[in-house]
Amino acid sequence: MDIQILGTGCAKCKTLYANAEAAVKELGLDATLTKVEDLREIIKLGVMTTPALAVDGKVKVAGKVATVADIKKLLA
């Protein structure tokens, strides 16, 4: 599973990354977490508001910081 955190590196993006990391750990998933900070790449995925979270190339959350519980629901 490939999880991408899309954003320019702001505080909200960092929080979303930490939340995603915690969710993956709590669920015991084999997943790769990556940060995407290049605006061209973010726009290619159709994201206009950050932070955003994509799973296997599909945007699941955009424009808000998902909680650990929210992310666990998306990944389960």
N, C-alpha and C. Protein backbone atom coordinates (compact mmCIF):
# COMPACT_ATOMS: atom_id res chain seq x y z
N MET A 1 0.85 -1.17 0.00
CA MET A 1 0.00 0.00 0.00
C MET A 1 0.90 1.24 0.00
N ASP A 2 0.57 2.19 -0.85
CA ASP A 2 1.34 3.43 -0.95
C ASP A 2 0.46 4.58 -0.48
N ILE A 3 0.90 5.25 0.57
CA ILE A 3 0.16 6.39 1.12
C ILE A 3 0.97 7.64 0.88
N GLN A 4 0.34 8.63 0.27
CA GLN A 4 1.01 9.90 -0.03
C GLN A 4 0.34 11.02 0.76
N ILE A 5 1.18 11.86 1.35
CA ILE A 5 0.70 13.08 2.00
C ILE A 5 1.07 14.22 1.06
N LEU A 6 0.07 14.92 0.59
CA LEU A 6 0.25 15.98 -0.40
C LEU A 6 0.17 17.33 0.29
N GLY A 7 1.21 18.13 0.14
CA GLY A 7 1.23 19.46 0.73
C GLY A 7 2.61 20.06 0.64
N THR A 8 2.68 21.33 0.91
CA THR A 8 3.93 22.07 0.74
C THR A 8 4.83 22.05 1.95
N GLY A 9 4.48 21.31 2.97
CA GLY A 9 5.33 21.22 4.15
C GLY A 9 4.87 22.09 5.31
N CYS A 10 3.64 22.56 5.26
CA CYS A 10 3.10 23.40 6.34
C CYS A 10 2.84 22.56 7.59
N ALA A 11 2.48 23.21 8.66
CA ALA A 11 2.21 22.51 9.93
C ALA A 11 1.08 21.49 9.79
N LYS A 12 0.04 21.83 9.03
CA LYS A 12 -1.07 20.91 8.84
C LYS A 12 -0.63 19.67 8.07
N CYS A 13 0.24 19.85 7.11
CA CYS A 13 0.75 18.73 6.33
C CYS A 13 1.57 17.79 7.21
N LYS A 14 2.37 18.38 8.08
CA LYS A 14 3.19 17.58 9.00
C LYS A 14 2.32 16.82 9.99
N THR A 15 1.24 17.44 10.44
CA THR A 15 0.31 16.77 11.35
C THR A 15 -0.38 15.61 10.65
N LEU A 16 -0.80 15.83 9.41
CA LEU A 16 -1.45 14.76 8.65
C LEU A 16 -0.49 13.59 8.44
N TYR A 17 0.77 13.88 8.15
CA TYR A 17 1.77 12.83 7.99
C TYR A 17 1.91 12.02 9.29
N ALA A 18 2.01 12.72 10.40
CA ALA A 18 2.14 12.05 11.70
C ALA A 18 0.91 11.19 12.00
N ASN A 19 -0.27 11.71 11.69
CA ASN A 19 -1.50 10.96 11.91
C ASN A 19 -1.55 9.70 11.03
N ALA A 20 -1.13 9.83 9.79
CA ALA A 20 -1.11 8.69 8.88
C ALA A 20 -0.11 7.64 9.36
N GLU A 21 1.04 8.11 9.80
CA GLU A 21 2.07 7.21 10.31
C GLU A 21 1.55 6.43 11.53
N ALA A 22 0.86 7.13 12.43
CA ALA A 22 0.29 6.49 13.62
C ALA A 22 -0.78 5.47 13.23
N ALA A 23 -1.62 5.81 12.27
CA ALA A 23 -2.69 4.91 11.84
C ALA A 23 -2.11 3.63 11.25
N VAL A 24 -1.09 3.77 10.42
CA VAL A 24 -0.45 2.61 9.81
C VAL A 24 0.15 1.72 10.88
N LYS A 25 0.82 2.34 11.85
CA LYS A 25 1.45 1.58 12.92
C LYS A 25 0.40 0.86 13.77
N GLU A 26 -0.67 1.55 14.12
CA GLU A 26 -1.72 0.95 14.96
C GLU A 26 -2.42 -0.21 14.26
N LEU A 27 -2.57 -0.10 12.93
CA LEU A 27 -3.22 -1.17 12.18
C LEU A 27 -2.24 -2.29 11.80
N GLY A 28 -0.95 -2.03 11.97
CA GLY A 28 0.06 -3.03 11.62
C GLY A 28 0.15 -3.29 10.13
N LEU A 29 -0.06 -2.26 9.33
CA LEU A 29 -0.06 -2.40 7.88
C LEU A 29 1.35 -2.33 7.30
N ASP A 30 1.52 -2.99 6.17
CA ASP A 30 2.75 -2.88 5.40
C ASP A 30 2.50 -1.79 4.36
N ALA A 31 2.89 -0.58 4.68
CA ALA A 31 2.61 0.56 3.81
C ALA A 31 3.82 1.46 3.70
N THR A 32 3.92 2.12 2.57
CA THR A 32 4.97 3.10 2.33
C THR A 32 4.35 4.48 2.43
N LEU A 33 4.91 5.33 3.29
CA LEU A 33 4.42 6.70 3.46
C LEU A 33 5.39 7.64 2.77
N THR A 34 4.88 8.50 1.90
CA THR A 34 5.73 9.47 1.24
C THR A 34 5.09 10.85 1.29
N LYS A 35 5.95 11.87 1.29
CA LYS A 35 5.48 13.25 1.23
C LYS A 35 5.62 13.73 -0.20
N VAL A 36 4.61 14.39 -0.70
CA VAL A 36 4.66 14.99 -2.03
C VAL A 36 4.53 16.49 -1.84
N GLU A 37 5.62 17.22 -2.09
CA GLU A 37 5.62 18.66 -1.87
C GLU A 37 5.67 19.46 -3.17
N ASP A 38 5.88 18.78 -4.30
CA ASP A 38 5.94 19.44 -5.60
C ASP A 38 4.52 19.80 -6.06
N LEU A 39 4.26 21.09 -6.22
CA LEU A 39 2.90 21.54 -6.58
C LEU A 39 2.41 20.93 -7.89
N ARG A 40 3.30 20.72 -8.85
CA ARG A 40 2.88 20.11 -10.12
C ARG A 40 2.37 18.70 -9.90
N GLU A 41 3.05 17.94 -9.05
CA GLU A 41 2.61 16.57 -8.75
C GLU A 41 1.28 16.58 -8.00
N ILE A 42 1.13 17.52 -7.08
CA ILE A 42 -0.11 17.62 -6.31
C ILE A 42 -1.28 17.94 -7.25
N ILE A 43 -1.08 18.87 -8.15
CA ILE A 43 -2.13 19.26 -9.10
C ILE A 43 -2.45 18.11 -10.05
N LYS A 44 -1.44 17.32 -10.44
CA LYS A 44 -1.68 16.17 -11.32
C LYS A 44 -2.68 15.19 -10.69
N LEU A 45 -2.67 15.11 -9.37
CA LEU A 45 -3.61 14.23 -8.67
C LEU A 45 -4.98 14.88 -8.48
N GLY A 46 -5.13 16.12 -8.96
CA GLY A 46 -6.41 16.80 -8.89
C GLY A 46 -6.68 17.51 -7.57
N VAL A 47 -5.65 17.68 -6.77
CA VAL A 47 -5.81 18.32 -5.47
C VAL A 47 -5.60 19.82 -5.61
N MET A 48 -6.59 20.59 -5.13
CA MET A 48 -6.49 22.05 -5.19
C MET A 48 -6.32 22.65 -3.80
N THR A 49 -6.65 21.89 -2.75
CA THR A 49 -6.47 22.36 -1.38
C THR A 49 -5.70 21.31 -0.59
N THR A 50 -4.71 21.78 0.12
CA THR A 50 -3.89 20.89 0.92
C THR A 50 -4.14 21.16 2.39
N PRO A 51 -3.81 20.25 3.25
CA PRO A 51 -3.16 18.98 2.99
C PRO A 51 -4.13 17.97 2.41
N ALA A 52 -3.57 16.93 1.82
CA ALA A 52 -4.40 15.86 1.26
C ALA A 52 -3.71 14.53 1.49
N LEU A 53 -4.50 13.48 1.46
CA LEU A 53 -3.99 12.13 1.66
C LEU A 53 -4.49 11.27 0.51
N ALA A 54 -3.55 10.56 -0.14
CA ALA A 54 -3.90 9.67 -1.23
C ALA A 54 -3.45 8.26 -0.87
N VAL A 55 -4.26 7.28 -1.23
CA VAL A 55 -3.92 5.88 -1.01
C VAL A 55 -3.88 5.21 -2.37
N ASP A 56 -2.72 4.65 -2.71
CA ASP A 56 -2.52 3.99 -4.00
C ASP A 56 -2.94 4.89 -5.17
N GLY A 57 -2.59 6.18 -5.07
CA GLY A 57 -2.85 7.13 -6.15
C GLY A 57 -4.25 7.73 -6.19
N LYS A 58 -5.10 7.35 -5.25
CA LYS A 58 -6.47 7.89 -5.21
C LYS A 58 -6.61 8.79 -3.99
N VAL A 59 -7.02 10.04 -4.23
CA VAL A 59 -7.16 11.01 -3.14
C VAL A 59 -8.35 10.62 -2.28
N LYS A 60 -8.11 10.49 -0.99
CA LYS A 60 -9.15 10.10 -0.03
C LYS A 60 -9.60 11.26 0.84
N VAL A 61 -8.68 12.19 1.12
CA VAL A 61 -8.98 13.35 1.97
C VAL A 61 -8.25 14.55 1.38
N ALA A 62 -8.94 15.69 1.30
CA ALA A 62 -8.29 16.91 0.81
C ALA A 62 -8.83 18.12 1.57
N GLY A 63 -7.93 19.04 1.88
CA GLY A 63 -8.33 20.29 2.50
C GLY A 63 -8.53 20.25 3.99
N LYS A 64 -8.17 19.12 4.63
CA LYS A 64 -8.30 19.06 6.08
C LYS A 64 -7.30 18.05 6.64
N VAL A 65 -7.09 18.14 7.94
CA VAL A 65 -6.21 17.22 8.63
C VAL A 65 -7.07 16.09 9.18
N ALA A 66 -6.96 14.93 8.57
CA ALA A 66 -7.71 13.77 9.05
C ALA A 66 -7.10 13.27 10.35
N THR A 67 -7.96 12.83 11.25
CA THR A 67 -7.48 12.29 12.52
C THR A 67 -6.94 10.88 12.31
N VAL A 68 -6.25 10.37 13.32
CA VAL A 68 -5.76 9.00 13.26
C VAL A 68 -6.94 8.04 13.07
N ALA A 69 -8.03 8.27 13.80
CA ALA A 69 -9.22 7.41 13.69
C ALA A 69 -9.82 7.47 12.27
N ASP A 70 -9.87 8.67 11.68
CA ASP A 70 -10.39 8.81 10.31
C ASP A 70 -9.54 8.02 9.32
N ILE A 71 -8.25 8.13 9.47
CA ILE A 71 -7.33 7.46 8.56
C ILE A 71 -7.43 5.94 8.72
N LYS A 72 -7.56 5.49 9.95
CA LYS A 72 -7.71 4.05 10.20
C LYS A 72 -8.95 3.51 9.51
N LYS A 73 -10.03 4.26 9.50
CA LYS A 73 -11.26 3.85 8.82
C LYS A 73 -11.02 3.74 7.31
N LEU A 74 -10.26 4.69 6.75
CA LEU A 74 -9.98 4.67 5.31
C LEU A 74 -9.12 3.48 4.92
N LEU A 75 -8.22 3.10 5.81
CA LEU A 75 -7.25 2.05 5.48
C LEU A 75 -7.72 0.64 5.83
N ALA A 76 -8.70 0.55 6.71
CA ALA A 76 -9.14 -0.78 7.18
C ALA A 76 -9.96 -1.50 6.11
